[in-house]
Amino acid sequence: SERRRIARWQRAAVAMRDGGFNAL
């Protein structure tokens, strides 16, 4: 589950970095 969680966090972090912070 650690591998899957890190993969999810990576996708979410990159999405936030690449423009998702506007939604925040």
mmCIF file of all heavy atoms, coordinates in Angstrom:
data_MODEL
# 
_entry.id   MODEL 
# 
loop_
_atom_site.group_PDB 
_atom_site.id 
_atom_site.type_symbol 
_atom_site.label_atom_id 
_atom_site.label_alt_id 
_atom_site.label_comp_id 
_atom_site.label_asym_id 
_atom_site.label_entity_id 
_atom_site.label_seq_id 
_atom_site.pdbx_PDB_ins_code 
_atom_site.Cartn_x 
_atom_site.Cartn_y 
_atom_site.Cartn_z 
_atom_site.occupancy 
_atom_site.B_iso_or_equiv 
_atom_site.pdbx_formal_charge 
_atom_site.auth_seq_id 
_atom_site.auth_comp_id 
_atom_site.auth_asym_id 
_atom_site.auth_atom_id 
_atom_site.pdbx_PDB_model_num 
ATOM 1   N N   . SER A 1 1  ? 0.839  -1.201 0.000   1.00 0.00 ? 1  SER A N   1 
ATOM 2   C CA  . SER A 1 1  ? 0.000  0.000  0.000   1.00 0.00 ? 1  SER A CA  1 
ATOM 3   C C   . SER A 1 1  ? 0.874  1.252  0.000   1.00 0.00 ? 1  SER A C   1 
ATOM 4   O O   . SER A 1 1  ? 0.461  2.299  -0.495  1.00 0.00 ? 1  SER A O   1 
ATOM 5   C CB  . SER A 1 1  ? -0.941 0.000  1.202   1.00 0.00 ? 1  SER A CB  1 
ATOM 6   O OG  . SER A 1 1  ? -0.210 0.033  2.413   1.00 0.00 ? 1  SER A OG  1 
ATOM 7   N N   . GLU A 1 2  ? 2.095  1.146  0.535   1.00 0.00 ? 2  GLU A N   1 
ATOM 8   C CA  . GLU A 1 2  ? 3.011  2.291  0.545   1.00 0.00 ? 2  GLU A CA  1 
ATOM 9   C C   . GLU A 1 2  ? 3.382  2.697  -0.886  1.00 0.00 ? 2  GLU A C   1 
ATOM 10  O O   . GLU A 1 2  ? 3.426  3.889  -1.205  1.00 0.00 ? 2  GLU A O   1 
ATOM 11  C CB  . GLU A 1 2  ? 4.283  1.971  1.349   1.00 0.00 ? 2  GLU A CB  1 
ATOM 12  C CG  . GLU A 1 2  ? 4.057  1.819  2.834   1.00 0.00 ? 2  GLU A CG  1 
ATOM 13  C CD  . GLU A 1 2  ? 3.525  0.449  3.237   1.00 0.00 ? 2  GLU A CD  1 
ATOM 14  O OE1 . GLU A 1 2  ? 3.614  -0.499 2.422   1.00 0.00 ? 2  GLU A OE1 1 
ATOM 15  O OE2 . GLU A 1 2  ? 3.032  0.325  4.366   1.00 0.00 ? 2  GLU A OE2 1 
ATOM 16  N N   . ARG A 1 3  ? 3.629  1.710  -1.749  1.00 0.00 ? 3  ARG A N   1 
ATOM 17  C CA  . ARG A 1 3  ? 3.955  2.016  -3.153  1.00 0.00 ? 3  ARG A CA  1 
ATOM 18  C C   . ARG A 1 3  ? 2.784  2.710  -3.823  1.00 0.00 ? 3  ARG A C   1 
ATOM 19  O O   . ARG A 1 3  ? 2.956  3.717  -4.518  1.00 0.00 ? 3  ARG A O   1 
ATOM 20  C CB  . ARG A 1 3  ? 4.309  0.727  -3.914  1.00 0.00 ? 3  ARG A CB  1 
ATOM 21  C CG  . ARG A 1 3  ? 4.689  0.987  -5.377  1.00 0.00 ? 3  ARG A CG  1 
ATOM 22  C CD  . ARG A 1 3  ? 4.816  -0.293 -6.185  1.00 0.00 ? 3  ARG A CD  1 
ATOM 23  N NE  . ARG A 1 3  ? 3.599  -1.078 -6.219  1.00 0.00 ? 3  ARG A NE  1 
ATOM 24  C CZ  . ARG A 1 3  ? 2.545  -0.819 -7.005  1.00 0.00 ? 3  ARG A CZ  1 
ATOM 25  N NH1 . ARG A 1 3  ? 2.555  0.202  -7.830  1.00 0.00 ? 3  ARG A NH1 1 
ATOM 26  N NH2 . ARG A 1 3  ? 1.475  -1.589 -6.962  1.00 0.00 ? 3  ARG A NH2 1 
ATOM 27  N N   . ARG A 1 4  ? 1.579  2.191  -3.605  1.00 0.00 ? 4  ARG A N   1 
ATOM 28  C CA  . ARG A 1 4  ? 0.399  2.805  -4.218  1.00 0.00 ? 4  ARG A CA  1 
ATOM 29  C C   . ARG A 1 4  ? 0.150  4.211  -3.671  1.00 0.00 ? 4  ARG A C   1 
ATOM 30  O O   . ARG A 1 4  ? -0.195 5.121  -4.435  1.00 0.00 ? 4  ARG A O   1 
ATOM 31  C CB  . ARG A 1 4  ? -0.834 1.909  -4.007  1.00 0.00 ? 4  ARG A CB  1 
ATOM 32  C CG  . ARG A 1 4  ? -0.756 0.619  -4.822  1.00 0.00 ? 4  ARG A CG  1 
ATOM 33  C CD  . ARG A 1 4  ? -2.040 -0.197 -4.751  1.00 0.00 ? 4  ARG A CD  1 
ATOM 34  N NE  . ARG A 1 4  ? -2.413 -0.594 -3.402  1.00 0.00 ? 4  ARG A NE  1 
ATOM 35  C CZ  . ARG A 1 4  ? -1.954 -1.660 -2.755  1.00 0.00 ? 4  ARG A CZ  1 
ATOM 36  N NH1 . ARG A 1 4  ? -1.060 -2.439 -3.349  1.00 0.00 ? 4  ARG A NH1 1 
ATOM 37  N NH2 . ARG A 1 4  ? -2.362 -1.955 -1.540  1.00 0.00 ? 4  ARG A NH2 1 
ATOM 38  N N   . ARG A 1 5  ? 0.339  4.408  -2.371  1.00 0.00 ? 5  ARG A N   1 
ATOM 39  C CA  . ARG A 1 5  ? 0.111  5.736  -1.794  1.00 0.00 ? 5  ARG A CA  1 
ATOM 40  C C   . ARG A 1 5  ? 1.120  6.747  -2.328  1.00 0.00 ? 5  ARG A C   1 
ATOM 41  O O   . ARG A 1 5  ? 0.750  7.871  -2.693  1.00 0.00 ? 5  ARG A O   1 
ATOM 42  C CB  . ARG A 1 5  ? 0.188  5.699  -0.272  1.00 0.00 ? 5  ARG A CB  1 
ATOM 43  C CG  . ARG A 1 5  ? -0.146 7.076  0.326   1.00 0.00 ? 5  ARG A CG  1 
ATOM 44  C CD  . ARG A 1 5  ? -0.037 7.128  1.812   1.00 0.00 ? 5  ARG A CD  1 
ATOM 45  N NE  . ARG A 1 5  ? -0.977 6.224  2.439   1.00 0.00 ? 5  ARG A NE  1 
ATOM 46  C CZ  . ARG A 1 5  ? -1.068 6.068  3.756   1.00 0.00 ? 5  ARG A CZ  1 
ATOM 47  N NH1 . ARG A 1 5  ? -0.273 6.752  4.558   1.00 0.00 ? 5  ARG A NH1 1 
ATOM 48  N NH2 . ARG A 1 5  ? -1.929 5.237  4.267   1.00 0.00 ? 5  ARG A NH2 1 
ATOM 49  N N   . ILE A 1 6  ? 2.396  6.369  -2.412  1.00 0.00 ? 6  ILE A N   1 
ATOM 50  C CA  . ILE A 1 6  ? 3.409  7.284  -2.945  1.00 0.00 ? 6  ILE A CA  1 
ATOM 51  C C   . ILE A 1 6  ? 3.084  7.629  -4.393  1.00 0.00 ? 6  ILE A C   1 
ATOM 52  O O   . ILE A 1 6  ? 3.197  8.792  -4.807  1.00 0.00 ? 6  ILE A O   1 
ATOM 53  C CB  . ILE A 1 6  ? 4.825  6.686  -2.806  1.00 0.00 ? 6  ILE A CB  1 
ATOM 54  C CG1 . ILE A 1 6  ? 5.269  6.693  -1.333  1.00 0.00 ? 6  ILE A CG1 1 
ATOM 55  C CG2 . ILE A 1 6  ? 5.840  7.435  -3.677  1.00 0.00 ? 6  ILE A CG2 1 
ATOM 56  C CD1 . ILE A 1 6  ? 5.398  8.077  -0.707  1.00 0.00 ? 6  ILE A CD1 1 
ATOM 57  N N   . ALA A 1 7  ? 2.646  6.660  -5.188  1.00 0.00 ? 7  ALA A N   1 
ATOM 58  C CA  . ALA A 1 7  ? 2.283  6.932  -6.585  1.00 0.00 ? 7  ALA A CA  1 
ATOM 59  C C   . ALA A 1 7  ? 1.124  7.921  -6.648  1.00 0.00 ? 7  ALA A C   1 
ATOM 60  O O   . ALA A 1 7  ? 1.138  8.856  -7.463  1.00 0.00 ? 7  ALA A O   1 
ATOM 61  C CB  . ALA A 1 7  ? 1.922  5.633  -7.303  1.00 0.00 ? 7  ALA A CB  1 
ATOM 62  N N   . ARG A 1 8  ? 0.111  7.741  -5.794  1.00 0.00 ? 8  ARG A N   1 
ATOM 63  C CA  . ARG A 1 8  ? -1.023 8.693  -5.758  1.00 0.00 ? 8  ARG A CA  1 
ATOM 64  C C   . ARG A 1 8  ? -0.548 10.076 -5.354  1.00 0.00 ? 8  ARG A C   1 
ATOM 65  O O   . ARG A 1 8  ? -0.948 11.080 -5.944  1.00 0.00 ? 8  ARG A O   1 
ATOM 66  C CB  . ARG A 1 8  ? -2.092 8.211  -4.759  1.00 0.00 ? 8  ARG A CB  1 
ATOM 67  C CG  . ARG A 1 8  ? -3.060 7.219  -5.293  1.00 0.00 ? 8  ARG A CG  1 
ATOM 68  C CD  . ARG A 1 8  ? -4.274 7.040  -4.378  1.00 0.00 ? 8  ARG A CD  1 
ATOM 69  N NE  . ARG A 1 8  ? -3.950 6.903  -2.965  1.00 0.00 ? 8  ARG A NE  1 
ATOM 70  C CZ  . ARG A 1 8  ? -3.681 5.745  -2.348  1.00 0.00 ? 8  ARG A CZ  1 
ATOM 71  N NH1 . ARG A 1 8  ? -3.673 4.618  -3.021  1.00 0.00 ? 8  ARG A NH1 1 
ATOM 72  N NH2 . ARG A 1 8  ? -3.423 5.723  -1.050  1.00 0.00 ? 8  ARG A NH2 1 
ATOM 73  N N   . TRP A 1 9  ? 0.289  10.149 -4.316  1.00 0.00 ? 9  TRP A N   1 
ATOM 74  C CA  . TRP A 1 9  ? 0.796  11.435 -3.857  1.00 0.00 ? 9  TRP A CA  1 
ATOM 75  C C   . TRP A 1 9  ? 1.642  12.114 -4.919  1.00 0.00 ? 9  TRP A C   1 
ATOM 76  O O   . TRP A 1 9  ? 1.573  13.333 -5.080  1.00 0.00 ? 9  TRP A O   1 
ATOM 77  C CB  . TRP A 1 9  ? 1.604  11.264 -2.576  1.00 0.00 ? 9  TRP A CB  1 
ATOM 78  C CG  . TRP A 1 9  ? 0.785  11.055 -1.335  1.00 0.00 ? 9  TRP A CG  1 
ATOM 79  C CD1 . TRP A 1 9  ? -0.574 10.946 -1.243  1.00 0.00 ? 9  TRP A CD1 1 
ATOM 80  C CD2 . TRP A 1 9  ? 1.282  10.935 -0.011  1.00 0.00 ? 9  TRP A CD2 1 
ATOM 81  N NE1 . TRP A 1 9  ? -0.939 10.743 0.060   1.00 0.00 ? 9  TRP A NE1 1 
ATOM 82  C CE2 . TRP A 1 9  ? 0.181  10.739 0.839   1.00 0.00 ? 9  TRP A CE2 1 
ATOM 83  C CE3 . TRP A 1 9  ? 2.552  10.952 0.540   1.00 0.00 ? 9  TRP A CE3 1 
ATOM 84  C CZ2 . TRP A 1 9  ? 0.311  10.587 2.218   1.00 0.00 ? 9  TRP A CZ2 1 
ATOM 85  C CZ3 . TRP A 1 9  ? 2.678  10.797 1.908   1.00 0.00 ? 9  TRP A CZ3 1 
ATOM 86  C CH2 . TRP A 1 9  ? 1.575  10.616 2.745   1.00 0.00 ? 9  TRP A CH2 1 
ATOM 87  N N   . GLN A 1 10 ? 2.436  11.345 -5.653  1.00 0.00 ? 10 GLN A N   1 
ATOM 88  C CA  . GLN A 1 10 ? 3.238  11.935 -6.730  1.00 0.00 ? 10 GLN A CA  1 
ATOM 89  C C   . GLN A 1 10 ? 2.329  12.553 -7.785  1.00 0.00 ? 10 GLN A C   1 
ATOM 90  O O   . GLN A 1 10 ? 2.561  13.682 -8.217  1.00 0.00 ? 10 GLN A O   1 
ATOM 91  C CB  . GLN A 1 10 ? 4.139  10.889 -7.374  1.00 0.00 ? 10 GLN A CB  1 
ATOM 92  C CG  . GLN A 1 10 ? 5.353  10.540 -6.572  1.00 0.00 ? 10 GLN A CG  1 
ATOM 93  C CD  . GLN A 1 10 ? 6.191  9.488  -7.263  1.00 0.00 ? 10 GLN A CD  1 
ATOM 94  O OE1 . GLN A 1 10 ? 5.719  8.396  -7.563  1.00 0.00 ? 10 GLN A OE1 1 
ATOM 95  N NE2 . GLN A 1 10 ? 7.446  9.811  -7.505  1.00 0.00 ? 10 GLN A NE2 1 
ATOM 96  N N   . ARG A 1 11 ? 1.315  11.810 -8.217  1.00 0.00 ? 11 ARG A N   1 
ATOM 97  C CA  . ARG A 1 11 ? 0.389  12.352 -9.227  1.00 0.00 ? 11 ARG A CA  1 
ATOM 98  C C   . ARG A 1 11 ? -0.298 13.613 -8.712  1.00 0.00 ? 11 ARG A C   1 
ATOM 99  O O   . ARG A 1 11 ? -0.406 14.615 -9.432  1.00 0.00 ? 11 ARG A O   1 
ATOM 100 C CB  . ARG A 1 11 ? -0.659 11.302 -9.609  1.00 0.00 ? 11 ARG A CB  1 
ATOM 101 C CG  . ARG A 1 11 ? -0.122 10.182 -10.469 1.00 0.00 ? 11 ARG A CG  1 
ATOM 102 C CD  . ARG A 1 11 ? -1.222 9.287  -11.015 1.00 0.00 ? 11 ARG A CD  1 
ATOM 103 N NE  . ARG A 1 11 ? -2.051 8.680  -9.987  1.00 0.00 ? 11 ARG A NE  1 
ATOM 104 C CZ  . ARG A 1 11 ? -1.802 7.525  -9.387  1.00 0.00 ? 11 ARG A CZ  1 
ATOM 105 N NH1 . ARG A 1 11 ? -0.719 6.841  -9.705  1.00 0.00 ? 11 ARG A NH1 1 
ATOM 106 N NH2 . ARG A 1 11 ? -2.632 7.041  -8.480  1.00 0.00 ? 11 ARG A NH2 1 
ATOM 107 N N   . ALA A 1 12 ? -0.750 13.588 -7.480  1.00 0.00 ? 12 ALA A N   1 
ATOM 108 C CA  . ALA A 1 12 ? -1.453 14.738 -6.907  1.00 0.00 ? 12 ALA A CA  1 
ATOM 109 C C   . ALA A 1 12 ? -0.514 15.932 -6.736  1.00 0.00 ? 12 ALA A C   1 
ATOM 110 O O   . ALA A 1 12 ? -0.895 17.078 -7.025  1.00 0.00 ? 12 ALA A O   1 
ATOM 111 C CB  . ALA A 1 12 ? -2.080 14.365 -5.569  1.00 0.00 ? 12 ALA A CB  1 
ATOM 112 N N   . ALA A 1 13 ? 0.705  15.684 -6.280  1.00 0.00 ? 13 ALA A N   1 
ATOM 113 C CA  . ALA A 1 13 ? 1.665  16.770 -6.072  1.00 0.00 ? 13 ALA A CA  1 
ATOM 114 C C   . ALA A 1 13 ? 2.037  17.435 -7.395  1.00 0.00 ? 13 ALA A C   1 
ATOM 115 O O   . ALA A 1 13 ? 2.107  18.661 -7.480  1.00 0.00 ? 13 ALA A O   1 
ATOM 116 C CB  . ALA A 1 13 ? 2.921  16.239 -5.372  1.00 0.00 ? 13 ALA A CB  1 
ATOM 117 N N   . VAL A 1 14 ? 2.271  16.624 -8.418  1.00 0.00 ? 14 VAL A N   1 
ATOM 118 C CA  . VAL A 1 14 ? 2.607  17.176 -9.739  1.00 0.00 ? 14 VAL A CA  1 
ATOM 119 C C   . VAL A 1 14 ? 1.424  17.962 -10.291 1.00 0.00 ? 14 VAL A C   1 
ATOM 120 O O   . VAL A 1 14 ? 1.596  19.058 -10.839 1.00 0.00 ? 14 VAL A O   1 
ATOM 121 C CB  . VAL A 1 14 ? 3.058  16.055 -10.697 1.00 0.00 ? 14 VAL A CB  1 
ATOM 122 C CG1 . VAL A 1 14 ? 3.134  16.551 -12.131 1.00 0.00 ? 14 VAL A CG1 1 
ATOM 123 C CG2 . VAL A 1 14 ? 4.412  15.510 -10.255 1.00 0.00 ? 14 VAL A CG2 1 
ATOM 124 N N   . ALA A 1 15 ? 0.216  17.449 -10.130 1.00 0.00 ? 15 ALA A N   1 
ATOM 125 C CA  . ALA A 1 15 ? -0.974 18.172 -10.608 1.00 0.00 ? 15 ALA A CA  1 
ATOM 126 C C   . ALA A 1 15 ? -1.131 19.495 -9.874  1.00 0.00 ? 15 ALA A C   1 
ATOM 127 O O   . ALA A 1 15 ? -1.442 20.517 -10.494 1.00 0.00 ? 15 ALA A O   1 
ATOM 128 C CB  . ALA A 1 15 ? -2.221 17.310 -10.424 1.00 0.00 ? 15 ALA A CB  1 
ATOM 129 N N   . MET A 1 16 ? -0.889 19.503 -8.563  1.00 0.00 ? 16 MET A N   1 
ATOM 130 C CA  . MET A 1 16 ? -0.990 20.749 -7.792  1.00 0.00 ? 16 MET A CA  1 
ATOM 131 C C   . MET A 1 16 ? 0.094  21.727 -8.244  1.00 0.00 ? 16 MET A C   1 
ATOM 132 O O   . MET A 1 16 ? -0.176 22.903 -8.464  1.00 0.00 ? 16 MET A O   1 
ATOM 133 C CB  . MET A 1 16 ? -0.862 20.449 -6.306  1.00 0.00 ? 16 MET A CB  1 
ATOM 134 C CG  . MET A 1 16 ? -1.045 21.658 -5.414  1.00 0.00 ? 16 MET A CG  1 
ATOM 135 S SD  . MET A 1 16 ? -2.716 22.338 -5.411  1.00 0.00 ? 16 MET A SD  1 
ATOM 136 C CE  . MET A 1 16 ? -3.564 21.137 -4.417  1.00 0.00 ? 16 MET A CE  1 
ATOM 137 N N   . ARG A 1 17 ? 1.314  21.222 -8.403  1.00 0.00 ? 17 ARG A N   1 
ATOM 138 C CA  . ARG A 1 17 ? 2.423  22.070 -8.843  1.00 0.00 ? 17 ARG A CA  1 
ATOM 139 C C   . ARG A 1 17 ? 2.148  22.668 -10.220 1.00 0.00 ? 17 ARG A C   1 
ATOM 140 O O   . ARG A 1 17 ? 2.452  23.825 -10.483 1.00 0.00 ? 17 ARG A O   1 
ATOM 141 C CB  . ARG A 1 17 ? 3.710  21.250 -8.889  1.00 0.00 ? 17 ARG A CB  1 
ATOM 142 C CG  . ARG A 1 17 ? 4.920  22.055 -9.384  1.00 0.00 ? 17 ARG A CG  1 
ATOM 143 C CD  . ARG A 1 17 ? 6.043  21.167 -9.820  1.00 0.00 ? 17 ARG A CD  1 
ATOM 144 N NE  . ARG A 1 17 ? 5.653  20.411 -11.004 1.00 0.00 ? 17 ARG A NE  1 
ATOM 145 C CZ  . ARG A 1 17 ? 6.272  19.311 -11.410 1.00 0.00 ? 17 ARG A CZ  1 
ATOM 146 N NH1 . ARG A 1 17 ? 7.277  18.813 -10.736 1.00 0.00 ? 17 ARG A NH1 1 
ATOM 147 N NH2 . ARG A 1 17 ? 5.859  18.694 -12.505 1.00 0.00 ? 17 ARG A NH2 1 
ATOM 148 N N   . ASP A 1 18 ? 1.552  21.886 -11.101 1.00 0.00 ? 18 ASP A N   1 
ATOM 149 C CA  . ASP A 1 18 ? 1.355  22.310 -12.479 1.00 0.00 ? 18 ASP A CA  1 
ATOM 150 C C   . ASP A 1 18 ? 0.059  23.088 -12.696 1.00 0.00 ? 18 ASP A C   1 
ATOM 151 O O   . ASP A 1 18 ? -0.363 23.243 -13.830 1.00 0.00 ? 18 ASP A O   1 
ATOM 152 C CB  . ASP A 1 18 ? 1.410  21.099 -13.412 1.00 0.00 ? 18 ASP A CB  1 
ATOM 153 C CG  . ASP A 1 18 ? 2.801  20.484 -13.467 1.00 0.00 ? 18 ASP A CG  1 
ATOM 154 O OD1 . ASP A 1 18 ? 3.764  21.122 -13.012 1.00 0.00 ? 18 ASP A OD1 1 
ATOM 155 O OD2 . ASP A 1 18 ? 2.921  19.351 -13.966 1.00 0.00 ? 18 ASP A OD2 1 
ATOM 156 N N   . GLY A 1 19 ? -0.560 23.568 -11.658 1.00 0.00 ? 19 GLY A N   1 
ATOM 157 C CA  . GLY A 1 19 ? -1.716 24.435 -11.830 1.00 0.00 ? 19 GLY A CA  1 
ATOM 158 C C   . GLY A 1 19 ? -2.870 24.164 -10.904 1.00 0.00 ? 19 GLY A C   1 
ATOM 159 O O   . GLY A 1 19 ? -3.768 24.983 -10.789 1.00 0.00 ? 19 GLY A O   1 
ATOM 160 N N   . GLY A 1 20 ? -2.883 23.041 -10.226 1.00 0.00 ? 20 GLY A N   1 
ATOM 161 C CA  . GLY A 1 20 ? -3.986 22.731 -9.331  1.00 0.00 ? 20 GLY A CA  1 
ATOM 162 C C   . GLY A 1 20 ? -4.070 23.650 -8.124  1.00 0.00 ? 20 GLY A C   1 
ATOM 163 O O   . GLY A 1 20 ? -5.110 23.730 -7.478  1.00 0.00 ? 20 GLY A O   1 
ATOM 164 N N   . PHE A 1 21 ? -2.975 24.355 -7.821  1.00 0.00 ? 21 PHE A N   1 
ATOM 165 C CA  . PHE A 1 21 ? -3.014 25.266 -6.685  1.00 0.00 ? 21 PHE A CA  1 
ATOM 166 C C   . PHE A 1 21 ? -4.046 26.369 -6.899  1.00 0.00 ? 21 PHE A C   1 
ATOM 167 O O   . PHE A 1 21 ? -4.539 26.952 -5.949  1.00 0.00 ? 21 PHE A O   1 
ATOM 168 C CB  . PHE A 1 21 ? -1.632 25.865 -6.396  1.00 0.00 ? 21 PHE A CB  1 
ATOM 169 C CG  . PHE A 1 21 ? -1.121 26.798 -7.469  1.00 0.00 ? 21 PHE A CG  1 
ATOM 170 C CD1 . PHE A 1 21 ? -1.406 28.128 -7.410  1.00 0.00 ? 21 PHE A CD1 1 
ATOM 171 C CD2 . PHE A 1 21 ? -0.363 26.301 -8.515  1.00 0.00 ? 21 PHE A CD2 1 
ATOM 172 C CE1 . PHE A 1 21 ? -0.943 28.989 -8.396  1.00 0.00 ? 21 PHE A CE1 1 
ATOM 173 C CE2 . PHE A 1 21 ? 0.108  27.146 -9.498  1.00 0.00 ? 21 PHE A CE2 1 
ATOM 174 C CZ  . PHE A 1 21 ? -0.186 28.484 -9.440  1.00 0.00 ? 21 PHE A CZ  1 
ATOM 175 N N   . ASN A 1 22 ? -4.412 26.637 -8.164  1.00 0.00 ? 22 ASN A N   1 
ATOM 176 C CA  . ASN A 1 22 ? -5.445 27.632 -8.421  1.00 0.00 ? 22 ASN A CA  1 
ATOM 177 C C   . ASN A 1 22 ? -6.766 27.219 -7.795  1.00 0.00 ? 22 ASN A C   1 
ATOM 178 O O   . ASN A 1 22 ? -7.508 28.050 -7.274  1.00 0.00 ? 22 ASN A O   1 
ATOM 179 C CB  . ASN A 1 22 ? -5.635 27.832 -9.936  1.00 0.00 ? 22 ASN A CB  1 
ATOM 180 C CG  . ASN A 1 22 ? -4.487 28.610 -10.540 1.00 0.00 ? 22 ASN A CG  1 
ATOM 181 O OD1 . ASN A 1 22 ? -3.898 29.469 -9.891  1.00 0.00 ? 22 ASN A OD1 1 
ATOM 182 N ND2 . ASN A 1 22 ? -4.135 28.272 -11.760 1.00 0.00 ? 22 ASN A ND2 1 
ATOM 183 N N   . ALA A 1 23 ? -7.077 25.928 -7.835  1.00 0.00 ? 23 ALA A N   1 
ATOM 184 C CA  . ALA A 1 23 ? -8.309 25.431 -7.206  1.00 0.00 ? 23 ALA A CA  1 
ATOM 185 C C   . ALA A 1 23 ? -8.235 25.616 -5.710  1.00 0.00 ? 23 ALA A C   1 
ATOM 186 O O   . ALA A 1 23 ? -9.226 25.970 -5.056  1.00 0.00 ? 23 ALA A O   1 
ATOM 187 C CB  . ALA A 1 23 ? -8.523 23.961 -7.557  1.00 0.00 ? 23 ALA A CB  1 
ATOM 188 N N   . LEU A 1 24 ? -7.065 25.389 -5.123  1.00 0.00 ? 24 LEU A N   1 
ATOM 189 C CA  . LEU A 1 24 ? -6.868 25.589 -3.690  1.00 0.00 ? 24 LEU A CA  1 
ATOM 190 C C   . LEU A 1 24 ? -7.125 27.048 -3.306  1.00 0.00 ? 24 LEU A C   1 
ATOM 191 O O   . LEU A 1 24 ? -7.716 27.352 -2.286  1.00 0.00 ? 24 LEU A O   1 
ATOM 192 C CB  . LEU A 1 24 ? -5.457 25.170 -3.275  1.00 0.00 ? 24 LEU A CB  1 
ATOM 193 C CG  . LEU A 1 24 ? -5.093 25.299 -1.810  1.00 0.00 ? 24 LEU A CG  1 
ATOM 194 C CD1 . LEU A 1 24 ? -5.935 24.324 -0.975  1.00 0.00 ? 24 LEU A CD1 1 
ATOM 195 C CD2 . LEU A 1 24 ? -3.621 25.030 -1.598  1.00 0.00 ? 24 LEU A CD2 1 
# 
